[in-house]
Amino acid sequence: MRKEKMSYALTWFPMKDRDVIHAKRDVPYEIKLASTLALDELCYKWNKSNLEAQINEAIDLGDQERLLQLSEVYKPYTYE
């Protein structure tokens, strides 16, 4: 079993008659990293599907100028 280090975040709360410091346990780095990666992937997929929908709409409407603008924005998504 691996040993886990505990880290705490200290928060200062000034009150009327005294100052209070609360110690709150921090979230481990692995959990922060995993949640960041999951959110990044979700945002990437949503942005890509949204752009694809806008491109399809521009094609259906025959809007050449909008299609060229959206295709420039979509270029980074083609390098998978």
N, C-alpha and C. Protein backbone atom coordinates (compact mmCIF):
# COMPACT_ATOMS: atom_id res chain seq x y z
N MET A 1 0.84 -1.19 0.00
CA MET A 1 0.00 0.00 0.00
C MET A 1 0.88 1.25 0.00
N ARG A 2 0.62 2.15 -0.89
CA ARG A 2 1.46 3.34 -0.95
C ARG A 2 1.06 4.34 0.12
N LYS A 3 2.04 5.08 0.52
CA LYS A 3 1.78 6.10 1.54
C LYS A 3 1.31 7.37 0.85
N GLU A 4 0.27 7.94 1.34
CA GLU A 4 -0.26 9.16 0.78
C GLU A 4 0.08 10.32 1.70
N LYS A 5 0.52 11.41 1.08
CA LYS A 5 0.80 12.61 1.85
C LYS A 5 -0.47 13.43 1.94
N MET A 6 -0.71 13.94 3.10
CA MET A 6 -1.85 14.82 3.29
C MET A 6 -1.40 16.26 3.13
N SER A 7 -2.12 17.01 2.36
CA SER A 7 -1.83 18.44 2.25
C SER A 7 -3.09 19.20 2.62
N TYR A 8 -2.88 20.32 3.24
CA TYR A 8 -4.01 21.10 3.72
C TYR A 8 -3.93 22.52 3.18
N ALA A 9 -5.07 23.11 2.94
CA ALA A 9 -5.16 24.51 2.55
C ALA A 9 -5.69 25.30 3.74
N LEU A 10 -4.93 26.29 4.15
CA LEU A 10 -5.35 27.11 5.29
C LEU A 10 -6.13 28.32 4.78
N THR A 11 -7.28 28.55 5.39
CA THR A 11 -8.14 29.66 4.99
C THR A 11 -8.35 30.58 6.18
N TRP A 12 -8.18 31.83 5.97
CA TRP A 12 -8.28 32.85 7.01
C TRP A 12 -9.68 33.46 6.98
N PHE A 13 -10.39 33.41 8.10
CA PHE A 13 -11.72 33.98 8.22
C PHE A 13 -11.73 35.03 9.33
N PRO A 14 -11.70 36.31 8.96
CA PRO A 14 -11.79 37.34 10.01
C PRO A 14 -13.23 37.43 10.52
N MET A 15 -13.37 37.34 11.82
CA MET A 15 -14.70 37.44 12.44
C MET A 15 -14.72 38.67 13.35
N LYS A 16 -15.88 38.94 13.94
CA LYS A 16 -16.04 40.15 14.76
C LYS A 16 -15.07 40.20 15.94
N ASP A 17 -15.09 39.14 16.75
CA ASP A 17 -14.31 39.19 17.97
C ASP A 17 -12.97 38.47 17.88
N ARG A 18 -12.77 37.60 16.88
CA ARG A 18 -11.49 36.91 16.76
C ARG A 18 -11.27 36.46 15.31
N ASP A 19 -10.05 36.16 14.99
CA ASP A 19 -9.71 35.66 13.67
C ASP A 19 -9.63 34.13 13.74
N VAL A 20 -10.20 33.48 12.74
CA VAL A 20 -10.26 32.03 12.73
C VAL A 20 -9.53 31.51 11.48
N ILE A 21 -8.74 30.48 11.67
CA ILE A 21 -8.06 29.82 10.55
C ILE A 21 -8.59 28.40 10.47
N HIS A 22 -9.10 28.03 9.28
CA HIS A 22 -9.60 26.69 9.07
C HIS A 22 -8.63 25.93 8.17
N ALA A 23 -8.39 24.67 8.50
CA ALA A 23 -7.55 23.81 7.66
C ALA A 23 -8.48 22.86 6.91
N LYS A 24 -8.35 22.86 5.59
CA LYS A 24 -9.18 22.00 4.75
C LYS A 24 -8.27 21.09 3.95
N ARG A 25 -8.60 19.81 3.89
CA ARG A 25 -7.77 18.85 3.19
C ARG A 25 -7.83 19.10 1.69
N ASP A 26 -6.69 19.12 1.04
CA ASP A 26 -6.60 19.33 -0.40
C ASP A 26 -6.92 18.05 -1.15
N VAL A 27 -7.37 18.20 -2.39
CA VAL A 27 -7.63 17.08 -3.27
C VAL A 27 -6.28 16.59 -3.82
N PRO A 28 -6.05 15.28 -3.85
CA PRO A 28 -4.78 14.77 -4.36
C PRO A 28 -4.54 15.17 -5.81
N TYR A 29 -3.26 15.26 -6.18
CA TYR A 29 -2.85 15.70 -7.52
C TYR A 29 -3.42 14.79 -8.59
N GLU A 30 -3.43 13.48 -8.35
CA GLU A 30 -3.92 12.53 -9.37
C GLU A 30 -5.38 12.78 -9.72
N ILE A 31 -6.17 13.11 -8.72
CA ILE A 31 -7.59 13.37 -8.95
C ILE A 31 -7.76 14.69 -9.70
N LYS A 32 -6.97 15.70 -9.35
CA LYS A 32 -7.03 16.98 -10.06
C LYS A 32 -6.66 16.80 -11.52
N LEU A 33 -5.60 16.02 -11.77
CA LEU A 33 -5.15 15.80 -13.14
C LEU A 33 -6.18 15.03 -13.95
N ALA A 34 -6.73 13.97 -13.37
CA ALA A 34 -7.73 13.17 -14.08
C ALA A 34 -8.97 13.99 -14.40
N SER A 35 -9.41 14.80 -13.46
CA SER A 35 -10.61 15.62 -13.72
C SER A 35 -10.33 16.69 -14.77
N THR A 36 -9.14 17.27 -14.75
CA THR A 36 -8.78 18.26 -15.77
C THR A 36 -8.74 17.64 -17.15
N LEU A 37 -8.14 16.45 -17.26
CA LEU A 37 -8.07 15.76 -18.55
C LEU A 37 -9.46 15.39 -19.06
N ALA A 38 -10.33 14.93 -18.17
CA ALA A 38 -11.69 14.57 -18.57
C ALA A 38 -12.46 15.80 -19.06
N LEU A 39 -12.34 16.91 -18.35
CA LEU A 39 -13.02 18.14 -18.76
C LEU A 39 -12.46 18.67 -20.08
N ASP A 40 -11.16 18.57 -20.26
CA ASP A 40 -10.56 19.01 -21.53
C ASP A 40 -11.09 18.20 -22.70
N GLU A 41 -11.19 16.89 -22.51
CA GLU A 41 -11.70 16.03 -23.58
C GLU A 41 -13.16 16.34 -23.89
N LEU A 42 -13.96 16.55 -22.85
CA LEU A 42 -15.37 16.89 -23.07
C LEU A 42 -15.52 18.21 -23.82
N CYS A 43 -14.74 19.21 -23.44
CA CYS A 43 -14.79 20.51 -24.13
C CYS A 43 -14.35 20.37 -25.58
N TYR A 44 -13.30 19.60 -25.82
CA TYR A 44 -12.80 19.38 -27.17
C TYR A 44 -13.87 18.74 -28.05
N LYS A 45 -14.50 17.68 -27.54
CA LYS A 45 -15.52 16.99 -28.32
C LYS A 45 -16.74 17.88 -28.58
N TRP A 46 -17.14 18.65 -27.57
CA TRP A 46 -18.30 19.53 -27.76
C TRP A 46 -18.00 20.61 -28.78
N ASN A 47 -16.81 21.24 -28.67
CA ASN A 47 -16.44 22.29 -29.62
C ASN A 47 -16.37 21.74 -31.04
N LYS A 48 -15.81 20.54 -31.20
CA LYS A 48 -15.69 19.94 -32.52
C LYS A 48 -17.07 19.65 -33.11
N SER A 49 -17.95 19.05 -32.33
CA SER A 49 -19.28 18.72 -32.84
C SER A 49 -20.09 19.99 -33.14
N ASN A 50 -19.91 21.03 -32.33
CA ASN A 50 -20.60 22.30 -32.56
C ASN A 50 -20.12 22.94 -33.87
N LEU A 51 -18.81 22.91 -34.10
CA LEU A 51 -18.28 23.45 -35.36
C LEU A 51 -18.77 22.65 -36.56
N GLU A 52 -18.81 21.33 -36.42
CA GLU A 52 -19.31 20.49 -37.51
C GLU A 52 -20.76 20.82 -37.84
N ALA A 53 -21.56 21.06 -36.81
CA ALA A 53 -22.96 21.42 -37.03
C ALA A 53 -23.07 22.77 -37.74
N GLN A 54 -22.24 23.73 -37.34
CA GLN A 54 -22.27 25.04 -37.99
C GLN A 54 -21.80 24.95 -39.44
N ILE A 55 -20.80 24.11 -39.70
CA ILE A 55 -20.31 23.93 -41.07
C ILE A 55 -21.39 23.29 -41.93
N ASN A 56 -22.06 22.27 -41.40
CA ASN A 56 -23.14 21.63 -42.14
C ASN A 56 -24.28 22.60 -42.43
N GLU A 57 -24.57 23.47 -41.49
CA GLU A 57 -25.63 24.46 -41.68
C GLU A 57 -25.23 25.46 -42.77
N ALA A 58 -23.95 25.87 -42.76
CA ALA A 58 -23.48 26.80 -43.79
C ALA A 58 -23.52 26.15 -45.17
N ILE A 59 -23.22 24.87 -45.25
CA ILE A 59 -23.30 24.15 -46.52
C ILE A 59 -24.74 24.08 -46.99
N ASP A 60 -25.66 23.76 -46.08
CA ASP A 60 -27.08 23.66 -46.44
C ASP A 60 -27.63 25.00 -46.94
N LEU A 61 -27.18 26.09 -46.32
CA LEU A 61 -27.67 27.41 -46.71
C LEU A 61 -26.92 27.98 -47.91
N GLY A 62 -25.81 27.36 -48.27
CA GLY A 62 -25.03 27.84 -49.39
C GLY A 62 -24.25 29.10 -49.09
N ASP A 63 -23.90 29.31 -47.84
CA ASP A 63 -23.17 30.50 -47.41
C ASP A 63 -21.66 30.23 -47.53
N GLN A 64 -21.07 30.60 -48.66
CA GLN A 64 -19.67 30.32 -48.95
C GLN A 64 -18.73 31.05 -48.00
N GLU A 65 -19.03 32.30 -47.69
CA GLU A 65 -18.16 33.10 -46.83
C GLU A 65 -18.10 32.52 -45.41
N ARG A 66 -19.26 32.17 -44.88
CA ARG A 66 -19.31 31.58 -43.53
C ARG A 66 -18.61 30.22 -43.51
N LEU A 67 -18.74 29.46 -44.58
CA LEU A 67 -18.10 28.15 -44.67
C LEU A 67 -16.58 28.30 -44.64
N LEU A 68 -16.04 29.29 -45.33
CA LEU A 68 -14.60 29.51 -45.32
C LEU A 68 -14.10 29.94 -43.94
N GLN A 69 -14.88 30.78 -43.25
CA GLN A 69 -14.51 31.21 -41.90
C GLN A 69 -14.48 30.03 -40.95
N LEU A 70 -15.53 29.21 -41.01
CA LEU A 70 -15.62 28.07 -40.11
C LEU A 70 -14.58 27.01 -40.42
N SER A 71 -14.24 26.85 -41.70
CA SER A 71 -13.23 25.85 -42.05
C SER A 71 -11.86 26.25 -41.52
N GLU A 72 -11.57 27.56 -41.44
CA GLU A 72 -10.31 28.01 -40.85
C GLU A 72 -10.27 27.70 -39.35
N VAL A 73 -11.41 27.88 -38.69
CA VAL A 73 -11.48 27.58 -37.26
C VAL A 73 -11.39 26.07 -37.02
N TYR A 74 -11.89 25.29 -37.96
CA TYR A 74 -11.94 23.83 -37.81
C TYR A 74 -10.61 23.15 -38.12
N LYS A 75 -9.69 23.83 -38.77
CA LYS A 75 -8.42 23.21 -39.17
C LYS A 75 -7.67 22.51 -38.04
N PRO A 76 -7.54 23.10 -36.84
CA PRO A 76 -6.82 22.38 -35.77
C PRO A 76 -7.45 21.04 -35.38
N TYR A 77 -8.74 20.89 -35.63
CA TYR A 77 -9.41 19.64 -35.27
C TYR A 77 -9.15 18.52 -36.27
N THR A 78 -8.51 18.83 -37.40
CA THR A 78 -8.25 17.80 -38.41
C THR A 78 -6.94 17.08 -38.17
N TYR A 79 -6.14 17.54 -37.21
CA TYR A 79 -4.83 16.93 -36.94
C TYR A 79 -4.92 15.89 -35.83
N GLU A 80 -5.86 15.01 -35.86
CA GLU A 80 -6.03 14.01 -34.80
C GLU A 80 -5.09 12.87 -34.92
